[in-house]
Amino acid sequence: MSFCLFSSSVTIIHHISFHTFAHLADILTNSFHGNQVFKDERLSQLDAIPKFETHSAVLTKMYMNQVLRKDDELRKFEESLEPHQNIVKGDGLTIVERAVIEHNMVAVSQLYTSIYFSELGQLLGVAADRAEKVAAKMIMDGSLSGSIDQVDGTLNFEGNESALLGWDEAITSFCVQLSRVTDAVRSE
């Protein structure tokens, strides 16, 4: 799948599909914390392609660590995905639903030091017990720094600045390598 856009000088941008797949991978793996893809000027060009018109807005919210709401923008984003990207996993969530919940969990951790699971569930759009299960998995995986107080029903966030810096460096490195591959393909 390749898309071409023409500028006023009739220059063909050959690698819009590579860029599209790179940012889709970022979103679907919930690993978008670097700024390489966000700062790429080709990102705004996705708005001109009807199928991908909401992708830059979703990436912007992820880059800004904003909570993603279930709205038309997110619905259009989900509709733009291929069938294999919308499969329901063993936990009953699609890949996108899980990625959005996990992204929102990290975004909430930047706003709160602790939160009741009932409130967290409302923010995430899931039941309180599902919010607790996702939080527990993320804490075990190391993608969220915090602790669960089951007696009080709260999630207590811990400072995770160093973990985010390491994650950011890994994503930046990946994006730089992807850019090199894209440039090599373009030069062929």
N, C-alpha and C. Protein backbone atom coordinates (compact mmCIF):
# COMPACT_ATOMS: atom_id res chain seq x y z
N MET A 1 0.85 -1.16 0.00
CA MET A 1 0.00 0.00 0.00
C MET A 1 0.90 1.22 0.00
N SER A 2 0.82 2.04 -1.00
CA SER A 2 1.65 3.22 -1.09
C SER A 2 0.79 4.39 -1.53
N PHE A 3 1.05 5.54 -0.94
CA PHE A 3 0.29 6.74 -1.27
C PHE A 3 1.25 7.80 -1.75
N CYS A 4 0.84 8.57 -2.71
CA CYS A 4 1.67 9.65 -3.21
C CYS A 4 0.90 10.95 -3.12
N LEU A 5 1.58 12.00 -2.70
CA LEU A 5 1.01 13.33 -2.67
C LEU A 5 1.84 14.19 -3.61
N PHE A 6 1.22 15.14 -4.26
CA PHE A 6 1.93 16.00 -5.18
C PHE A 6 1.95 17.41 -4.61
N SER A 7 3.12 18.03 -4.60
CA SER A 7 3.23 19.42 -4.19
C SER A 7 3.08 20.28 -5.43
N SER A 8 3.14 21.60 -5.25
CA SER A 8 2.99 22.49 -6.40
C SER A 8 4.10 22.27 -7.42
N SER A 9 5.23 21.77 -7.00
CA SER A 9 6.32 21.50 -7.95
C SER A 9 6.25 20.07 -8.48
N VAL A 10 5.14 19.40 -8.28
CA VAL A 10 4.89 18.04 -8.73
C VAL A 10 5.97 17.07 -8.22
N THR A 11 6.39 17.29 -7.00
CA THR A 11 7.33 16.38 -6.35
C THR A 11 6.54 15.26 -5.70
N ILE A 12 6.92 14.02 -5.99
CA ILE A 12 6.21 12.87 -5.41
C ILE A 12 6.87 12.50 -4.09
N ILE A 13 6.07 12.36 -3.09
CA ILE A 13 6.58 11.90 -1.80
C ILE A 13 6.32 10.41 -1.75
N HIS A 14 7.36 9.62 -1.94
CA HIS A 14 7.24 8.18 -2.09
C HIS A 14 7.02 7.43 -0.78
N HIS A 15 7.39 8.01 0.31
CA HIS A 15 7.47 7.21 1.53
C HIS A 15 6.39 7.51 2.55
N ILE A 16 5.26 8.03 2.09
CA ILE A 16 4.18 8.30 3.03
C ILE A 16 3.67 7.01 3.65
N SER A 17 3.70 5.91 2.89
CA SER A 17 3.23 4.64 3.46
C SER A 17 4.17 4.13 4.55
N PHE A 18 5.50 4.27 4.36
CA PHE A 18 6.43 3.86 5.41
C PHE A 18 6.19 4.65 6.68
N HIS A 19 5.99 5.95 6.51
CA HIS A 19 5.74 6.81 7.67
C HIS A 19 4.44 6.41 8.34
N THR A 20 3.43 6.12 7.54
CA THR A 20 2.14 5.70 8.09
C THR A 20 2.31 4.44 8.92
N PHE A 21 3.03 3.46 8.40
CA PHE A 21 3.23 2.22 9.13
C PHE A 21 4.07 2.44 10.39
N ALA A 22 5.03 3.34 10.32
CA ALA A 22 5.86 3.62 11.51
C ALA A 22 5.01 4.20 12.63
N HIS A 23 4.15 5.17 12.30
CA HIS A 23 3.37 5.74 13.40
C HIS A 23 2.26 4.81 13.84
N LEU A 24 1.74 3.96 12.95
CA LEU A 24 0.77 2.95 13.38
C LEU A 24 1.41 1.99 14.37
N ALA A 25 2.64 1.59 14.09
CA ALA A 25 3.35 0.70 15.01
C ALA A 25 3.52 1.37 16.37
N ASP A 26 3.84 2.66 16.36
CA ASP A 26 3.98 3.39 17.62
C ASP A 26 2.68 3.36 18.42
N ILE A 27 1.58 3.63 17.75
CA ILE A 27 0.29 3.69 18.44
C ILE A 27 -0.12 2.31 18.92
N LEU A 28 -0.08 1.33 18.04
CA LEU A 28 -0.58 0.00 18.37
C LEU A 28 0.26 -0.71 19.41
N THR A 29 1.53 -0.36 19.53
CA THR A 29 2.36 -0.96 20.57
C THR A 29 2.45 -0.06 21.79
N ASN A 30 1.74 1.04 21.75
CA ASN A 30 1.71 1.99 22.86
C ASN A 30 3.12 2.42 23.24
N SER A 31 3.96 2.65 22.24
CA SER A 31 5.34 3.01 22.52
C SER A 31 5.68 4.40 22.04
N PHE A 32 4.69 5.22 21.79
CA PHE A 32 4.98 6.53 21.24
C PHE A 32 5.32 7.51 22.35
N HIS A 33 6.60 7.67 22.61
CA HIS A 33 7.03 8.66 23.59
C HIS A 33 8.19 9.48 23.04
N GLY A 34 8.69 9.15 21.87
CA GLY A 34 9.77 9.89 21.27
C GLY A 34 9.22 11.00 20.41
N ASN A 35 10.10 11.85 19.92
CA ASN A 35 9.62 12.96 19.11
C ASN A 35 10.05 12.86 17.66
N GLN A 36 10.73 11.79 17.26
CA GLN A 36 11.18 11.66 15.88
C GLN A 36 10.01 11.64 14.90
N VAL A 37 9.02 10.79 15.15
CA VAL A 37 7.87 10.70 14.26
C VAL A 37 7.02 11.95 14.38
N PHE A 38 6.84 12.43 15.60
CA PHE A 38 5.99 13.60 15.82
C PHE A 38 6.52 14.82 15.08
N LYS A 39 7.84 15.00 15.05
CA LYS A 39 8.42 16.18 14.42
C LYS A 39 8.64 16.02 12.92
N ASP A 40 8.37 14.85 12.38
CA ASP A 40 8.54 14.61 10.95
C ASP A 40 7.47 15.39 10.19
N GLU A 41 7.90 16.21 9.22
CA GLU A 41 6.95 17.05 8.48
C GLU A 41 5.94 16.24 7.68
N ARG A 42 6.24 14.99 7.40
CA ARG A 42 5.31 14.15 6.65
C ARG A 42 4.07 13.80 7.45
N LEU A 43 4.15 13.92 8.76
CA LEU A 43 3.01 13.59 9.61
C LEU A 43 1.80 14.44 9.26
N SER A 44 2.00 15.72 9.06
CA SER A 44 0.87 16.60 8.73
C SER A 44 0.29 16.28 7.35
N GLN A 45 1.08 15.65 6.48
CA GLN A 45 0.59 15.31 5.15
C GLN A 45 -0.42 14.18 5.19
N LEU A 46 -0.45 13.43 6.28
CA LEU A 46 -1.44 12.37 6.40
C LEU A 46 -2.85 12.92 6.42
N ASP A 47 -3.01 14.16 6.89
CA ASP A 47 -4.34 14.78 6.94
C ASP A 47 -4.97 14.88 5.55
N ALA A 48 -4.15 14.90 4.52
CA ALA A 48 -4.65 15.03 3.15
C ALA A 48 -5.17 13.69 2.60
N ILE A 49 -4.88 12.61 3.29
CA ILE A 49 -5.34 11.29 2.86
C ILE A 49 -6.54 10.92 3.72
N PRO A 50 -7.73 10.84 3.13
CA PRO A 50 -8.94 10.61 3.93
C PRO A 50 -8.84 9.45 4.92
N LYS A 51 -8.24 8.35 4.51
CA LYS A 51 -8.15 7.19 5.41
C LYS A 51 -7.32 7.49 6.66
N PHE A 52 -6.37 8.40 6.55
CA PHE A 52 -5.44 8.67 7.64
C PHE A 52 -5.59 10.06 8.24
N GLU A 53 -6.70 10.73 7.97
CA GLU A 53 -6.84 12.13 8.37
C GLU A 53 -6.80 12.37 9.87
N THR A 54 -7.10 11.39 10.68
CA THR A 54 -7.08 11.60 12.14
C THR A 54 -5.79 11.11 12.80
N HIS A 55 -4.92 10.49 12.04
CA HIS A 55 -3.71 9.91 12.63
C HIS A 55 -2.81 10.96 13.26
N SER A 56 -2.59 12.09 12.60
CA SER A 56 -1.70 13.09 13.18
C SER A 56 -2.29 13.67 14.46
N ALA A 57 -3.60 13.82 14.53
CA ALA A 57 -4.23 14.33 15.75
C ALA A 57 -4.06 13.35 16.91
N VAL A 58 -4.22 12.06 16.63
CA VAL A 58 -4.05 11.05 17.67
C VAL A 58 -2.59 11.02 18.13
N LEU A 59 -1.65 11.07 17.18
CA LEU A 59 -0.23 11.08 17.55
C LEU A 59 0.13 12.32 18.35
N THR A 60 -0.45 13.46 17.99
CA THR A 60 -0.18 14.70 18.72
C THR A 60 -0.63 14.56 20.17
N LYS A 61 -1.81 14.02 20.37
CA LYS A 61 -2.30 13.83 21.75
C LYS A 61 -1.41 12.86 22.51
N MET A 62 -0.92 11.83 21.83
CA MET A 62 -0.04 10.88 22.50
C MET A 62 1.29 11.56 22.85
N TYR A 63 1.83 12.34 21.92
CA TYR A 63 3.09 13.03 22.17
C TYR A 63 2.96 14.01 23.33
N MET A 64 1.82 14.68 23.39
CA MET A 64 1.58 15.67 24.45
C MET A 64 1.15 15.00 25.75
N ASN A 65 1.08 13.68 25.75
CA ASN A 65 0.68 12.89 26.92
C ASN A 65 -0.72 13.27 27.41
N GLN A 66 -1.61 13.52 26.45
CA GLN A 66 -2.99 13.86 26.77
C GLN A 66 -3.84 12.59 26.78
N VAL A 67 -4.88 12.62 27.60
CA VAL A 67 -5.81 11.50 27.66
C VAL A 67 -6.58 11.45 26.34
N LEU A 68 -6.64 10.27 25.73
CA LEU A 68 -7.40 10.09 24.49
C LEU A 68 -8.83 9.73 24.85
N ARG A 69 -9.77 10.51 24.37
CA ARG A 69 -11.19 10.27 24.62
C ARG A 69 -11.77 9.43 23.49
N LYS A 70 -12.81 8.67 23.81
CA LYS A 70 -13.52 7.92 22.78
C LYS A 70 -14.45 8.90 22.07
N ASP A 71 -13.96 9.46 20.97
CA ASP A 71 -14.73 10.43 20.20
C ASP A 71 -14.64 10.09 18.72
N ASP A 72 -15.15 10.98 17.87
CA ASP A 72 -15.13 10.73 16.42
C ASP A 72 -13.71 10.54 15.90
N GLU A 73 -12.78 11.31 16.44
CA GLU A 73 -11.39 11.22 16.00
C GLU A 73 -10.84 9.81 16.22
N LEU A 74 -11.05 9.29 17.41
CA LEU A 74 -10.56 7.95 17.72
C LEU A 74 -11.33 6.89 16.94
N ARG A 75 -12.62 7.09 16.76
CA ARG A 75 -13.44 6.15 15.99
C ARG A 75 -12.93 6.08 14.55
N LYS A 76 -12.67 7.25 13.93
CA LYS A 76 -12.15 7.27 12.56
C LYS A 76 -10.78 6.61 12.48
N PHE A 77 -9.97 6.84 13.50
CA PHE A 77 -8.66 6.20 13.53
C PHE A 77 -8.83 4.68 13.54
N GLU A 78 -9.70 4.17 14.40
CA GLU A 78 -9.93 2.73 14.49
C GLU A 78 -10.47 2.17 13.17
N GLU A 79 -11.34 2.92 12.51
CA GLU A 79 -11.91 2.47 11.23
C GLU A 79 -10.86 2.42 10.13
N SER A 80 -9.78 3.18 10.26
CA SER A 80 -8.75 3.21 9.22
C SER A 80 -7.81 2.01 9.29
N LEU A 81 -7.90 1.26 10.36
CA LEU A 81 -6.99 0.13 10.54
C LEU A 81 -7.40 -1.07 9.70
N GLU A 82 -6.43 -1.88 9.39
CA GLU A 82 -6.66 -3.12 8.66
C GLU A 82 -7.30 -4.13 9.61
N PRO A 83 -8.01 -5.14 9.07
CA PRO A 83 -8.67 -6.12 9.94
C PRO A 83 -7.74 -6.79 10.95
N HIS A 84 -6.51 -7.11 10.55
CA HIS A 84 -5.59 -7.77 11.49
C HIS A 84 -5.15 -6.84 12.62
N GLN A 85 -5.34 -5.53 12.45
CA GLN A 85 -5.00 -4.58 13.50
C GLN A 85 -6.17 -4.35 14.46
N ASN A 86 -7.31 -4.93 14.16
CA ASN A 86 -8.50 -4.78 15.00
C ASN A 86 -8.91 -6.08 15.67
N ILE A 87 -8.01 -7.04 15.76
CA ILE A 87 -8.38 -8.31 16.37
C ILE A 87 -8.58 -8.15 17.87
N VAL A 88 -9.47 -8.97 18.39
CA VAL A 88 -9.74 -8.97 19.83
C VAL A 88 -8.79 -9.98 20.47
N LYS A 89 -8.05 -9.51 21.46
CA LYS A 89 -7.08 -10.36 22.15
C LYS A 89 -7.78 -11.17 23.25
N GLY A 90 -7.03 -11.99 23.93
CA GLY A 90 -7.56 -12.86 24.97
C GLY A 90 -8.23 -12.14 26.12
N ASP A 91 -7.86 -10.87 26.33
CA ASP A 91 -8.46 -10.11 27.43
C ASP A 91 -9.77 -9.43 27.04
N GLY A 92 -10.22 -9.67 25.79
CA GLY A 92 -11.48 -9.09 25.33
C GLY A 92 -11.35 -7.69 24.76
N LEU A 93 -10.13 -7.18 24.65
CA LEU A 93 -9.88 -5.85 24.10
C LEU A 93 -9.21 -5.97 22.74
N THR A 94 -9.50 -5.01 21.86
CA THR A 94 -8.76 -4.95 20.61
C THR A 94 -7.38 -4.36 20.91
N ILE A 95 -6.48 -4.48 19.94
CA ILE A 95 -5.14 -3.93 20.11
C ILE A 95 -5.22 -2.43 20.37
N VAL A 96 -6.09 -1.74 19.64
CA VAL A 96 -6.23 -0.29 19.81
C VAL A 96 -6.81 0.04 21.18
N GLU A 97 -7.85 -0.67 21.58
CA GLU A 97 -8.45 -0.41 22.90
C GLU A 97 -7.41 -0.56 24.01
N ARG A 98 -6.63 -1.64 23.93
CA ARG A 98 -5.60 -1.84 24.94
C ARG A 98 -4.56 -0.73 24.88
N ALA A 99 -4.10 -0.36 23.68
CA ALA A 99 -3.10 0.69 23.54
C ALA A 99 -3.61 2.01 24.09
N VAL A 100 -4.88 2.33 23.83
CA VAL A 100 -5.46 3.59 24.32
C VAL A 100 -5.57 3.55 25.84
N ILE A 101 -6.03 2.44 26.39
CA ILE A 101 -6.14 2.32 27.85
C ILE A 101 -4.76 2.46 28.50
N GLU A 102 -3.75 1.79 27.95
CA GLU A 102 -2.41 1.87 28.51
C GLU A 102 -1.83 3.28 28.36
N HIS A 103 -2.04 3.90 27.21
CA HIS A 103 -1.58 5.28 27.03
C HIS A 103 -2.25 6.19 28.05
N ASN A 104 -3.56 6.05 28.18
CA ASN A 104 -4.30 6.89 29.12
C ASN A 104 -3.86 6.65 30.56
N MET A 105 -3.51 5.41 30.88
CA MET A 105 -3.02 5.10 32.23
C MET A 105 -1.74 5.89 32.50
N VAL A 106 -0.83 5.91 31.53
CA VAL A 106 0.42 6.66 31.69
C VAL A 106 0.12 8.16 31.76
N ALA A 107 -0.81 8.64 30.93
CA ALA A 107 -1.18 10.06 30.96
C ALA A 107 -1.75 10.43 32.32
N VAL A 108 -2.60 9.58 32.87
CA VAL A 108 -3.19 9.83 34.20
C VAL A 108 -2.10 9.85 35.26
N SER A 109 -1.08 9.01 35.10
CA SER A 109 0.00 8.97 36.10
C SER A 109 0.77 10.28 36.15
N GLN A 110 0.70 11.07 35.08
CA GLN A 110 1.35 12.37 35.05
C GLN A 110 0.51 13.44 35.74
N LEU A 111 -0.78 13.15 35.93
CA LEU A 111 -1.71 14.11 36.52
C LEU A 111 -1.98 13.86 38.00
N TYR A 112 -1.91 12.61 38.42
CA TYR A 112 -2.28 12.21 39.78
C TYR A 112 -1.10 11.53 40.47
N THR A 113 -1.12 11.61 41.81
CA THR A 113 -0.18 10.80 42.59
C THR A 113 -0.86 9.52 43.04
N SER A 114 -2.19 9.57 43.20
CA SER A 114 -2.98 8.37 43.49
C SER A 114 -4.41 8.61 43.01
N ILE A 115 -5.10 7.51 42.73
CA ILE A 115 -6.46 7.62 42.21
C ILE A 115 -7.22 6.34 42.59
N TYR A 116 -8.50 6.51 42.92
CA TYR A 116 -9.35 5.35 43.18
C TYR A 116 -9.61 4.63 41.87
N PHE A 117 -9.67 3.31 41.92
CA PHE A 117 -9.92 2.54 40.70
C PHE A 117 -11.29 2.85 40.11
N SER A 118 -12.26 3.22 40.94
CA SER A 118 -13.57 3.60 40.41
C SER A 118 -13.45 4.85 39.54
N GLU A 119 -12.66 5.83 39.99
CA GLU A 119 -12.44 7.05 39.20
C GLU A 119 -11.58 6.75 37.97
N LEU A 120 -10.55 5.94 38.16
CA LEU A 120 -9.67 5.57 37.05
C LEU A 120 -10.46 4.86 35.96
N GLY A 121 -11.33 3.94 36.37
CA GLY A 121 -12.18 3.24 35.41
C GLY A 121 -13.03 4.19 34.60
N GLN A 122 -13.59 5.21 35.26
CA GLN A 122 -14.39 6.20 34.54
C GLN A 122 -13.53 6.97 33.54
N LEU A 123 -12.33 7.37 33.95
CA LEU A 123 -11.43 8.09 33.03
C LEU A 123 -11.03 7.23 31.83
N LEU A 124 -10.82 5.94 32.09
CA LEU A 124 -10.37 5.04 31.02
C LEU A 124 -11.52 4.47 30.20
N GLY A 125 -12.74 4.62 30.71
CA GLY A 125 -13.90 4.07 30.00
C GLY A 125 -14.05 2.57 30.18
N VAL A 126 -13.57 2.06 31.31
CA VAL A 126 -13.67 0.63 31.61
C VAL A 126 -14.14 0.46 33.05
N ALA A 127 -14.50 -0.77 33.41
CA ALA A 127 -14.89 -1.06 34.78
C ALA A 127 -13.68 -0.94 35.71
N ALA A 128 -13.95 -0.66 36.98
CA ALA A 128 -12.87 -0.48 37.96
C ALA A 128 -11.98 -1.72 38.05
N ASP A 129 -12.57 -2.92 38.01
CA ASP A 129 -11.75 -4.13 38.11
C ASP A 129 -10.86 -4.32 36.88
N ARG A 130 -11.35 -3.90 35.70
CA ARG A 130 -10.50 -3.97 34.50
C ARG A 130 -9.35 -2.97 34.62
N ALA A 131 -9.63 -1.76 35.13
CA ALA A 131 -8.58 -0.76 35.33
C ALA A 131 -7.50 -1.30 36.27
N GLU A 132 -7.93 -1.99 37.32
CA GLU A 132 -6.98 -2.57 38.27
C GLU A 132 -6.13 -3.65 37.60
N LYS A 133 -6.75 -4.50 36.79
CA LYS A 133 -6.00 -5.57 36.11
C LYS A 133 -4.98 -4.99 35.13
N VAL A 134 -5.39 -3.98 34.37
CA VAL A 134 -4.47 -3.35 33.42
C VAL A 134 -3.32 -2.69 34.18
N ALA A 135 -3.64 -1.99 35.27
CA ALA A 135 -2.59 -1.34 36.07
C ALA A 135 -1.62 -2.37 36.62
N ALA A 136 -2.14 -3.48 37.13
CA ALA A 136 -1.28 -4.53 37.68
C ALA A 136 -0.35 -5.09 36.61
N LYS A 137 -0.88 -5.34 35.41
CA LYS A 137 -0.06 -5.86 34.32
C LYS A 137 1.02 -4.85 33.92
N MET A 138 0.63 -3.57 33.83
CA MET A 138 1.59 -2.54 33.44
C MET A 138 2.69 -2.38 34.49
N ILE A 139 2.33 -2.47 35.76
CA ILE A 139 3.33 -2.38 36.83
C ILE A 139 4.28 -3.58 36.74
N MET A 140 3.72 -4.77 36.52
CA MET A 140 4.56 -5.97 36.39
C MET A 140 5.48 -5.90 35.18
N ASP A 141 4.98 -5.31 34.07
CA ASP A 141 5.78 -5.18 32.85
C ASP A 141 6.81 -4.06 32.94
N GLY A 142 6.66 -3.19 33.93
CA GLY A 142 7.58 -2.06 34.07
C GLY A 142 7.20 -0.85 33.25
N SER A 143 6.04 -0.88 32.59
CA SER A 143 5.62 0.27 31.79
C SER A 143 4.87 1.32 32.62
N LEU A 144 4.60 1.00 33.88
CA LEU A 144 3.96 1.94 34.80
C LEU A 144 4.61 1.76 36.16
N SER A 145 4.99 2.86 36.77
CA SER A 145 5.63 2.80 38.07
C SER A 145 4.62 3.18 39.14
N GLY A 146 4.30 2.23 39.99
CA GLY A 146 3.33 2.51 41.03
C GLY A 146 3.05 1.28 41.86
N SER A 147 2.06 1.41 42.73
CA SER A 147 1.65 0.29 43.58
C SER A 147 0.14 0.31 43.74
N ILE A 148 -0.41 -0.85 44.00
CA ILE A 148 -1.85 -1.00 44.15
C ILE A 148 -2.17 -1.24 45.62
N ASP A 149 -3.11 -0.47 46.14
CA ASP A 149 -3.61 -0.67 47.50
C ASP A 149 -5.02 -1.24 47.36
N GLN A 150 -5.13 -2.57 47.47
CA GLN A 150 -6.42 -3.22 47.27
C GLN A 150 -7.39 -2.93 48.40
N VAL A 151 -6.89 -2.69 49.60
CA VAL A 151 -7.77 -2.38 50.73
C VAL A 151 -8.51 -1.07 50.48
N ASP A 152 -7.77 -0.04 50.07
CA ASP A 152 -8.38 1.26 49.80
C ASP A 152 -8.92 1.37 48.37
N GLY A 153 -8.53 0.44 47.50
CA GLY A 153 -8.97 0.48 46.11
C GLY A 153 -8.33 1.61 45.33
N THR A 154 -7.02 1.83 45.58
CA THR A 154 -6.33 2.94 44.91
C THR A 154 -5.10 2.45 44.15
N LEU A 155 -4.72 3.26 43.19
CA LEU A 155 -3.48 3.09 42.46
C LEU A 155 -2.61 4.27 42.84
N ASN A 156 -1.43 3.99 43.37
CA ASN A 156 -0.50 5.03 43.79
C ASN A 156 0.65 5.08 42.80
N PHE A 157 0.82 6.22 42.15
CA PHE A 157 1.85 6.37 41.13
C PHE A 157 3.15 6.80 41.78
N GLU A 158 4.25 6.29 41.25
CA GLU A 158 5.58 6.67 41.71
C GLU A 158 6.27 7.43 40.60
N GLY A 159 7.27 8.22 40.96
CA GLY A 159 8.04 8.95 39.95
C GLY A 159 8.68 7.97 38.98
N ASN A 160 8.45 8.17 37.70
CA ASN A 160 8.98 7.23 36.70
C ASN A 160 9.77 7.94 35.63
N GLU A 161 10.40 9.05 36.01
CA GLU A 161 11.12 9.87 35.05
C GLU A 161 12.24 9.10 34.36
N SER A 162 13.02 8.33 35.12
CA SER A 162 14.15 7.62 34.50
C SER A 162 13.67 6.52 33.56
N ALA A 163 12.57 5.84 33.91
CA ALA A 163 12.03 4.81 33.02
C ALA A 163 11.56 5.42 31.71
N LEU A 164 10.89 6.58 31.80
CA LEU A 164 10.41 7.24 30.59
C LEU A 164 11.56 7.73 29.73
N LEU A 165 12.63 8.19 30.36
CA LEU A 165 13.79 8.64 29.58
C LEU A 165 14.41 7.47 28.81
N GLY A 166 14.53 6.32 29.46
CA GLY A 166 15.06 5.15 28.77
C GLY A 166 14.17 4.70 27.64
N TRP A 167 12.87 4.73 27.88
CA TRP A 167 11.89 4.36 26.87
C TRP A 167 11.97 5.34 25.71
N ASP A 168 12.07 6.63 26.02
CA ASP A 168 12.16 7.66 25.00
C ASP A 168 13.41 7.46 24.14
N GLU A 169 14.52 7.14 24.78
CA GLU A 169 15.76 6.92 24.03
C GLU A 169 15.64 5.71 23.10
N ALA A 170 15.00 4.65 23.56
CA ALA A 170 14.82 3.45 22.74
C ALA A 170 13.94 3.75 21.53
N ILE A 171 12.86 4.48 21.74
CA ILE A 171 11.96 4.83 20.65
C ILE A 171 12.65 5.77 19.67
N THR A 172 13.39 6.74 20.19
CA THR A 172 14.13 7.66 19.32
C THR A 172 15.11 6.89 18.45
N SER A 173 15.82 5.94 19.04
CA SER A 173 16.77 5.13 18.29
C SER A 173 16.06 4.34 17.19
N PHE A 174 14.93 3.73 17.53
CA PHE A 174 14.15 2.99 16.54
C PHE A 174 13.71 3.89 15.39
N CYS A 175 13.21 5.08 15.72
CA CYS A 175 12.73 6.00 14.68
C CYS A 175 13.86 6.48 13.78
N VAL A 176 15.03 6.71 14.36
CA VAL A 176 16.19 7.11 13.55
C VAL A 176 16.56 5.99 12.59
N GLN A 177 16.58 4.75 13.08
CA GLN A 177 16.89 3.61 12.22
C GLN A 177 15.84 3.45 11.13
N LEU A 178 14.57 3.62 11.47
CA LEU A 178 13.50 3.52 10.49
C LEU A 178 13.64 4.61 9.43
N SER A 179 14.02 5.81 9.86
CA SER A 179 14.22 6.91 8.92
C SER A 179 15.36 6.59 7.96
N ARG A 180 16.43 5.98 8.46
CA ARG A 180 17.56 5.59 7.60
C ARG A 180 17.12 4.57 6.55
N VAL A 181 16.33 3.60 6.97
CA VAL A 181 15.82 2.59 6.04
C VAL A 181 14.94 3.25 4.99
N THR A 182 14.06 4.15 5.43
CA THR A 182 13.18 4.87 4.51
C THR A 182 14.00 5.67 3.50
N ASP A 183 15.03 6.37 3.98
CA ASP A 183 15.88 7.14 3.08
C ASP A 183 16.62 6.24 2.10
N ALA A 184 17.06 5.07 2.56
CA ALA A 184 17.75 4.14 1.67
C ALA A 184 16.81 3.63 0.59
N VAL A 185 15.58 3.32 0.96
CA VAL A 185 14.60 2.85 -0.01
C VAL A 185 14.28 3.97 -1.00
N ARG A 186 14.16 5.19 -0.49
CA ARG A 186 13.85 6.33 -1.35
C ARG A 186 14.96 6.57 -2.37
N SER A 187 16.21 6.35 -1.98
CA SER A 187 17.32 6.63 -2.89
C SER A 187 17.48 5.57 -3.98
N GLU A 188 16.78 4.44 -3.80
CA GLU A 188 16.88 3.37 -4.82
C GLU A 188 16.09 3.68 -6.04
